[in-house]
Amino acid sequence: SPNMRVSPRCLVLCSVALLLLIDHSAVVANETSCSDMGFSETLLCSSCIDFEQHLDDNSESKQVVSECKRCCSPDMDVSGAVEYESATLVMCECRMHGFPHISEFLNKKAKKYPKFSHRFVGGGLGPTLHLASKNGATEILNIEHWKTENLEDFL
């Protein structure tokens, strides 16, 4: 109503609450988009740097690396990149028909990588790469949209 007065304190509190809500929404949207792109919440920035070294210098690769760096968390160990003890491909065998490049990789190329293994699980799980570091930490990457070359370069 025209006679209704709002105190300056109320305006300030409402403004702060609105800003916090907007900020929280942006963070949630950011986390969702990172997850949708295949990046886990445990992604370390050193993984992005390692990944970048194995990609061609084209705009698509630069975009992937840029998104990776936007979604990653700083490493605890600032002395260098995380070295992984092992990499395990985990997925539901029933989904293999949708990933012929992964099937070909497992049949023809996986033996070249001594620290690589694969495990089939149920439940319709898409392909994920489980990376175990020497300190016992595990990072899980969704590789559903990776090409065979990306997987080989990463390993």
Protein backbone atom coordinates (compact mmCIF):
# COMPACT_ATOMS: atom_id res chain seq x y z
CA SER A 1 0.00 0.00 0.00
CA PRO A 2 1.19 3.62 -0.53
CA ASN A 3 1.31 4.30 3.23
CA MET A 4 3.46 1.30 4.00
CA ARG A 5 7.00 2.17 5.08
CA VAL A 6 9.92 -0.21 4.94
CA SER A 7 12.77 0.42 7.31
CA PRO A 8 16.28 0.81 5.90
CA ARG A 9 17.39 -2.10 8.10
CA CYS A 10 14.77 -4.35 6.50
CA LEU A 11 15.90 -3.28 3.01
CA VAL A 12 19.52 -4.08 3.84
CA LEU A 13 18.63 -7.49 5.32
CA CYS A 14 16.43 -8.38 2.34
CA SER A 15 19.15 -7.28 -0.09
CA VAL A 16 21.79 -9.39 1.67
CA ALA A 17 19.46 -12.40 1.74
CA LEU A 18 18.76 -11.99 -1.98
CA LEU A 19 22.48 -11.72 -2.79
CA LEU A 20 23.23 -14.85 -0.76
CA LEU A 21 20.45 -16.73 -2.53
CA ILE A 22 21.74 -15.66 -5.96
CA ASP A 23 25.32 -16.56 -5.02
CA HIS A 24 24.21 -19.97 -3.71
CA SER A 25 22.20 -20.63 -6.88
CA ALA A 26 25.23 -19.83 -9.04
CA VAL A 27 27.40 -22.22 -7.03
CA VAL A 28 24.83 -25.02 -7.29
CA ALA A 29 24.43 -24.40 -11.04
CA ASN A 30 28.21 -24.39 -11.43
CA GLU A 31 28.56 -27.71 -9.56
CA THR A 32 25.80 -29.25 -11.64
CA SER A 33 27.34 -28.16 -14.91
CA CYS A 34 30.76 -29.48 -13.89
CA SER A 35 29.21 -32.81 -12.97
CA ASP A 36 27.23 -32.86 -16.22
CA MET A 37 30.47 -32.34 -18.13
CA GLY A 38 32.00 -35.39 -16.47
CA PHE A 39 34.14 -33.69 -13.84
CA SER A 40 33.95 -35.07 -10.31
CA GLU A 41 33.89 -32.87 -7.25
CA THR A 42 37.25 -34.39 -6.26
CA LEU A 43 38.94 -33.23 -9.49
CA LEU A 44 42.39 -31.83 -8.74
CA CYS A 45 43.81 -29.00 -10.84
CA SER A 46 46.99 -31.00 -11.43
CA SER A 47 44.85 -33.50 -13.36
CA CYS A 48 43.78 -30.70 -15.71
CA ILE A 49 47.41 -29.71 -16.22
CA ASP A 50 48.40 -33.33 -16.92
CA PHE A 51 45.45 -33.72 -19.28
CA GLU A 52 46.34 -30.49 -21.11
CA GLN A 53 49.84 -31.78 -21.88
CA HIS A 54 48.35 -34.72 -23.79
CA LEU A 55 45.85 -32.85 -25.96
CA ASP A 56 46.21 -31.29 -29.37
CA ASP A 57 46.41 -27.53 -29.53
CA ASN A 58 42.96 -26.86 -30.99
CA SER A 59 39.95 -24.87 -29.81
CA GLU A 60 37.98 -27.95 -28.67
CA SER A 61 40.87 -29.15 -26.50
CA LYS A 62 41.39 -25.68 -25.08
CA GLN A 63 37.68 -25.53 -24.20
CA VAL A 64 37.85 -28.88 -22.34
CA VAL A 65 40.95 -27.79 -20.43
CA SER A 66 39.35 -24.44 -19.60
CA GLU A 67 36.25 -26.18 -18.22
CA CYS A 68 38.46 -28.64 -16.32
CA LYS A 69 40.37 -25.79 -14.69
CA ARG A 70 37.11 -24.02 -13.83
CA CYS A 71 35.80 -27.15 -12.10
CA CYS A 72 38.93 -28.35 -10.30
CA SER A 73 40.12 -27.95 -6.73
CA PRO A 74 43.66 -26.87 -5.89
CA ASP A 75 46.03 -29.69 -5.00
CA MET A 76 47.07 -30.12 -1.40
CA ASP A 77 50.63 -30.87 -2.46
CA VAL A 78 51.94 -27.76 -4.20
CA SER A 79 55.22 -29.45 -5.20
CA GLY A 80 53.75 -30.96 -8.36
CA ALA A 81 51.15 -33.10 -10.02
CA VAL A 82 49.46 -36.04 -8.38
CA GLU A 83 50.89 -39.34 -9.52
CA TYR A 84 48.33 -42.07 -9.79
CA GLU A 85 49.13 -45.57 -8.62
CA SER A 86 46.39 -47.10 -10.76
CA ALA A 87 43.52 -46.35 -13.11
CA THR A 88 40.43 -48.57 -13.24
CA LEU A 89 37.69 -48.30 -15.83
CA VAL A 90 34.37 -49.10 -14.15
CA MET A 91 31.12 -49.51 -16.08
CA CYS A 92 28.12 -51.75 -16.61
CA GLU A 93 28.80 -54.42 -19.20
CA CYS A 94 25.27 -53.94 -20.54
CA ARG A 95 26.32 -50.46 -21.75
CA MET A 96 29.31 -51.66 -23.77
CA HIS A 97 27.31 -51.67 -27.01
CA GLY A 98 26.98 -47.90 -26.70
CA PHE A 99 30.73 -47.44 -26.33
CA PRO A 100 32.41 -49.42 -29.14
CA HIS A 101 35.58 -47.34 -28.80
CA ILE A 102 35.93 -48.45 -25.16
CA SER A 103 35.37 -52.07 -26.16
CA GLU A 104 38.07 -51.73 -28.82
CA PHE A 105 40.40 -50.08 -26.31
CA LEU A 106 39.91 -52.92 -23.83
CA ASN A 107 40.44 -55.59 -26.48
CA LYS A 108 43.39 -54.08 -28.35
CA LYS A 109 45.17 -51.39 -26.35
CA ALA A 110 44.62 -51.76 -22.61
CA LYS A 111 47.48 -54.26 -22.22
CA LYS A 112 49.96 -51.47 -23.02
CA TYR A 113 49.12 -49.78 -19.72
CA PRO A 114 50.34 -51.82 -16.73
CA LYS A 115 48.60 -49.61 -14.15
CA PHE A 116 45.26 -49.86 -15.97
CA SER A 117 42.48 -52.35 -15.21
CA HIS A 118 38.76 -52.58 -15.79
CA ARG A 119 35.82 -53.85 -13.80
CA PHE A 120 32.26 -54.46 -14.88
CA VAL A 121 29.47 -53.62 -12.45
CA GLY A 122 25.69 -53.76 -12.70
CA GLY A 123 23.16 -51.01 -12.57
CA GLY A 124 23.66 -49.43 -15.98
CA LEU A 125 26.65 -47.35 -14.87
CA GLY A 126 28.32 -45.43 -17.68
CA PRO A 127 32.11 -45.46 -18.05
CA THR A 128 34.06 -43.86 -15.22
CA LEU A 129 37.78 -43.85 -14.63
CA HIS A 130 38.79 -44.40 -10.99
CA LEU A 131 42.24 -42.98 -10.27
CA ALA A 132 44.00 -44.06 -7.09
CA SER A 133 46.90 -41.91 -5.90
CA LYS A 134 49.85 -43.06 -3.82
CA ASN A 135 48.43 -41.35 -0.73
CA GLY A 136 45.21 -43.39 -0.96
CA ALA A 137 42.97 -40.68 -2.40
CA THR A 138 40.65 -41.66 -5.23
CA GLU A 139 39.43 -39.44 -8.03
CA ILE A 140 36.56 -40.52 -10.27
CA LEU A 141 36.20 -39.10 -13.79
CA ASN A 142 33.15 -39.55 -15.97
CA ILE A 143 34.64 -40.48 -19.36
CA GLU A 144 31.36 -41.06 -21.17
CA HIS A 145 32.18 -38.37 -23.76
CA TRP A 146 35.88 -39.10 -24.10
CA LYS A 147 37.38 -40.43 -27.30
CA THR A 148 39.79 -43.37 -27.26
CA GLU A 149 42.66 -40.97 -27.93
CA ASN A 150 41.76 -38.92 -24.85
CA LEU A 151 41.83 -42.04 -22.68
CA GLU A 152 45.14 -43.22 -24.14
CA ASP A 153 46.73 -39.80 -23.72
CA PHE A 154 45.50 -39.52 -20.16
CA LEU A 155 46.87 -42.93 -19.21
